[in-house]
Amino acid sequence: MSNSNSSTASQPKYRVLISQEWCKGCGICISFCPKNILAAEGLDQKVKVTDESLCINCTMCEVHCPDFAIQIVPSEANNER
């Protein structure tokens, strides 16, 4: 039954959590993301995720964020067996 595989294929493997309180909108994470899934939005230029399903868990954004505003965590769908 390939329907269960196709439904989980569109599920993101990782969650990109961005603290809007901590983000100062410097854009460093945007520069380091190899999949270009981050974008600055609004007047404050705080970072938002554009397509979480493309995240490859490289953690470049998380490691380079000077304000520790980003966390990459496995999605719940990825933890299910």
N, C-alpha and C. Protein backbone atom coordinates (compact mmCIF):
# COMPACT_ATOMS: atom_id res chain seq x y z
N MET A 1 0.82 -1.17 0.00
CA MET A 1 0.00 0.00 0.00
C MET A 1 0.87 1.24 0.00
N SER A 2 1.11 1.78 -1.14
CA SER A 2 2.02 2.91 -1.28
C SER A 2 1.39 4.23 -0.87
N ASN A 3 0.11 4.27 -0.56
CA ASN A 3 -0.54 5.51 -0.14
C ASN A 3 0.04 6.04 1.16
N SER A 4 0.41 5.18 2.10
CA SER A 4 0.98 5.65 3.35
C SER A 4 2.35 6.27 3.11
N ASN A 5 3.12 5.74 2.18
CA ASN A 5 4.42 6.33 1.86
C ASN A 5 4.27 7.67 1.18
N SER A 6 3.31 7.80 0.28
CA SER A 6 3.14 9.05 -0.43
C SER A 6 2.64 10.15 0.50
N SER A 7 1.84 9.81 1.51
CA SER A 7 1.35 10.82 2.43
C SER A 7 2.46 11.31 3.36
N THR A 8 3.40 10.43 3.75
CA THR A 8 4.49 10.85 4.61
C THR A 8 5.62 11.48 3.82
N ALA A 9 5.66 11.26 2.51
CA ALA A 9 6.73 11.84 1.70
C ALA A 9 6.63 13.36 1.67
N SER A 10 5.42 13.89 1.75
CA SER A 10 5.26 15.34 1.72
C SER A 10 5.45 15.96 3.10
N GLN A 11 5.51 15.13 4.14
CA GLN A 11 5.71 15.62 5.49
C GLN A 11 7.18 16.05 5.66
N PRO A 12 7.42 17.19 6.31
CA PRO A 12 8.82 17.58 6.55
C PRO A 12 9.50 16.61 7.50
N LYS A 13 10.76 16.33 7.24
CA LYS A 13 11.52 15.44 8.11
C LYS A 13 12.00 16.18 9.36
N TYR A 14 12.21 17.49 9.21
CA TYR A 14 12.73 18.30 10.31
C TYR A 14 11.88 19.54 10.48
N ARG A 15 11.81 20.03 11.70
CA ARG A 15 11.12 21.28 11.99
C ARG A 15 12.19 22.34 12.19
N VAL A 16 11.96 23.50 11.63
CA VAL A 16 12.85 24.64 11.81
C VAL A 16 12.12 25.60 12.73
N LEU A 17 12.57 25.67 13.96
CA LEU A 17 11.91 26.51 14.96
C LEU A 17 12.69 27.82 15.09
N ILE A 18 12.02 28.93 14.87
CA ILE A 18 12.65 30.24 14.96
C ILE A 18 11.94 31.05 16.03
N SER A 19 12.69 31.48 17.04
CA SER A 19 12.14 32.32 18.09
C SER A 19 12.07 33.76 17.56
N GLN A 20 10.86 34.24 17.32
CA GLN A 20 10.69 35.61 16.83
C GLN A 20 11.09 36.62 17.89
N GLU A 21 11.07 36.22 19.17
CA GLU A 21 11.53 37.09 20.25
C GLU A 21 13.03 37.31 20.20
N TRP A 22 13.76 36.25 19.88
CA TRP A 22 15.22 36.33 19.89
C TRP A 22 15.80 36.79 18.57
N CYS A 23 15.12 36.53 17.46
CA CYS A 23 15.63 36.90 16.14
C CYS A 23 15.70 38.42 16.02
N LYS A 24 16.88 38.91 15.61
CA LYS A 24 17.02 40.37 15.42
C LYS A 24 17.00 40.74 13.94
N GLY A 25 16.82 39.74 13.06
CA GLY A 25 16.69 40.02 11.64
C GLY A 25 18.00 40.33 10.94
N CYS A 26 19.09 39.75 11.41
CA CYS A 26 20.40 40.04 10.81
C CYS A 26 20.58 39.36 9.45
N GLY A 27 19.88 38.23 9.21
CA GLY A 27 19.95 37.55 7.92
C GLY A 27 21.11 36.59 7.74
N ILE A 28 21.90 36.39 8.77
CA ILE A 28 23.04 35.47 8.66
C ILE A 28 22.56 34.06 8.31
N CYS A 29 21.50 33.61 8.93
CA CYS A 29 20.97 32.26 8.67
C CYS A 29 20.53 32.12 7.22
N ILE A 30 19.95 33.17 6.68
CA ILE A 30 19.50 33.15 5.28
C ILE A 30 20.69 32.93 4.35
N SER A 31 21.79 33.58 4.65
CA SER A 31 22.99 33.47 3.82
C SER A 31 23.59 32.06 3.85
N PHE A 32 23.46 31.38 4.97
CA PHE A 32 24.08 30.06 5.12
C PHE A 32 23.20 28.89 4.69
N CYS A 33 21.90 29.10 4.54
CA CYS A 33 21.00 28.00 4.21
C CYS A 33 21.22 27.52 2.77
N PRO A 34 21.68 26.26 2.58
CA PRO A 34 21.96 25.77 1.23
C PRO A 34 20.69 25.49 0.41
N LYS A 35 19.55 25.36 1.08
CA LYS A 35 18.29 25.07 0.38
C LYS A 35 17.41 26.30 0.22
N ASN A 36 17.88 27.44 0.70
CA ASN A 36 17.14 28.71 0.57
C ASN A 36 15.70 28.62 1.07
N ILE A 37 15.54 28.05 2.25
CA ILE A 37 14.19 27.92 2.80
C ILE A 37 13.88 29.01 3.83
N LEU A 38 14.79 29.95 4.02
CA LEU A 38 14.58 31.03 4.98
C LEU A 38 14.46 32.36 4.24
N ALA A 39 13.61 33.23 4.75
CA ALA A 39 13.43 34.54 4.13
C ALA A 39 13.11 35.57 5.20
N ALA A 40 13.55 36.80 4.97
CA ALA A 40 13.25 37.90 5.88
C ALA A 40 11.91 38.50 5.47
N GLU A 41 11.07 38.76 6.45
CA GLU A 41 9.75 39.30 6.16
C GLU A 41 9.42 40.45 7.10
N GLY A 42 8.57 41.32 6.63
CA GLY A 42 8.08 42.40 7.46
C GLY A 42 9.07 43.54 7.61
N LEU A 43 8.64 44.56 8.30
CA LEU A 43 9.49 45.74 8.52
C LEU A 43 10.70 45.42 9.38
N ASP A 44 10.54 44.47 10.30
CA ASP A 44 11.65 44.12 11.19
C ASP A 44 12.63 43.13 10.56
N GLN A 45 12.27 42.59 9.37
CA GLN A 45 13.11 41.64 8.64
C GLN A 45 13.43 40.37 9.42
N LYS A 46 12.52 39.98 10.31
CA LYS A 46 12.72 38.73 11.06
C LYS A 46 12.52 37.55 10.12
N VAL A 47 13.22 36.48 10.42
CA VAL A 47 13.28 35.33 9.53
C VAL A 47 12.06 34.43 9.67
N LYS A 48 11.59 33.96 8.54
CA LYS A 48 10.49 33.00 8.46
C LYS A 48 10.94 31.83 7.60
N VAL A 49 10.31 30.68 7.80
CA VAL A 49 10.59 29.48 7.01
C VAL A 49 9.64 29.49 5.81
N THR A 50 10.19 29.34 4.60
CA THR A 50 9.35 29.35 3.40
C THR A 50 8.89 27.96 3.00
N ASP A 51 9.73 26.94 3.17
CA ASP A 51 9.34 25.57 2.82
C ASP A 51 10.11 24.58 3.68
N GLU A 52 9.53 24.26 4.82
CA GLU A 52 10.18 23.38 5.79
C GLU A 52 10.48 21.99 5.23
N SER A 53 9.71 21.54 4.25
CA SER A 53 9.89 20.19 3.70
C SER A 53 11.22 20.05 2.97
N LEU A 54 11.87 21.14 2.62
CA LEU A 54 13.16 21.09 1.93
C LEU A 54 14.36 21.08 2.87
N CYS A 55 14.11 21.23 4.16
CA CYS A 55 15.21 21.25 5.14
C CYS A 55 15.95 19.91 5.14
N ILE A 56 17.29 19.97 5.07
CA ILE A 56 18.11 18.75 5.04
C ILE A 56 18.85 18.52 6.36
N ASN A 57 18.53 19.29 7.39
CA ASN A 57 19.14 19.14 8.71
C ASN A 57 20.65 19.39 8.70
N CYS A 58 21.10 20.31 7.90
CA CYS A 58 22.53 20.62 7.87
C CYS A 58 22.92 21.45 9.10
N THR A 59 21.99 22.07 9.75
CA THR A 59 22.12 22.92 10.93
C THR A 59 22.97 24.18 10.72
N MET A 60 23.22 24.54 9.48
CA MET A 60 24.02 25.74 9.21
C MET A 60 23.36 26.99 9.79
N CYS A 61 22.05 27.10 9.67
CA CYS A 61 21.35 28.27 10.21
C CYS A 61 21.44 28.29 11.73
N GLU A 62 21.23 27.14 12.33
CA GLU A 62 21.25 27.04 13.79
C GLU A 62 22.62 27.37 14.36
N VAL A 63 23.66 26.84 13.74
CA VAL A 63 25.02 27.04 14.22
C VAL A 63 25.48 28.49 14.06
N HIS A 64 25.07 29.15 12.98
CA HIS A 64 25.56 30.49 12.70
C HIS A 64 24.71 31.62 13.28
N CYS A 65 23.56 31.29 13.83
CA CYS A 65 22.70 32.33 14.41
C CYS A 65 23.37 32.89 15.67
N PRO A 66 23.73 34.18 15.66
CA PRO A 66 24.41 34.75 16.82
C PRO A 66 23.51 34.92 18.05
N ASP A 67 22.19 34.81 17.83
CA ASP A 67 21.24 35.02 18.92
C ASP A 67 20.60 33.72 19.42
N PHE A 68 21.05 32.57 18.89
CA PHE A 68 20.51 31.26 19.27
C PHE A 68 18.99 31.20 19.10
N ALA A 69 18.50 31.85 18.04
CA ALA A 69 17.06 31.94 17.80
C ALA A 69 16.52 30.78 16.98
N ILE A 70 17.39 29.89 16.49
CA ILE A 70 16.95 28.81 15.60
C ILE A 70 17.29 27.45 16.20
N GLN A 71 16.33 26.54 16.09
CA GLN A 71 16.53 25.14 16.46
C GLN A 71 16.02 24.27 15.33
N ILE A 72 16.79 23.24 14.99
CA ILE A 72 16.36 22.24 14.02
C ILE A 72 16.07 20.97 14.83
N VAL A 73 14.85 20.48 14.74
CA VAL A 73 14.45 19.30 15.48
C VAL A 73 13.76 18.32 14.53
N PRO A 74 13.82 17.02 14.81
CA PRO A 74 13.10 16.06 13.99
C PRO A 74 11.60 16.32 14.10
N SER A 75 10.89 16.16 12.99
CA SER A 75 9.44 16.31 13.05
C SER A 75 8.84 15.08 13.72
N GLU A 76 7.61 15.20 14.18
CA GLU A 76 6.95 14.07 14.82
C GLU A 76 6.75 12.93 13.83
N ALA A 77 6.50 13.25 12.57
CA ALA A 77 6.32 12.22 11.54
C ALA A 77 7.61 11.42 11.34
N ASN A 78 8.75 12.07 11.52
CA ASN A 78 10.04 11.43 11.35
C ASN A 78 10.35 10.49 12.52
N ASN A 79 9.75 10.73 13.68
CA ASN A 79 9.99 9.91 14.86
C ASN A 79 9.13 8.66 14.90
N GLU A 80 8.06 8.64 14.11
CA GLU A 80 7.18 7.48 14.12
C GLU A 80 7.82 6.30 13.42
N ARG A 81 7.57 5.10 13.92
CA ARG A 81 8.17 3.91 13.30
C ARG A 81 7.11 3.04 12.75
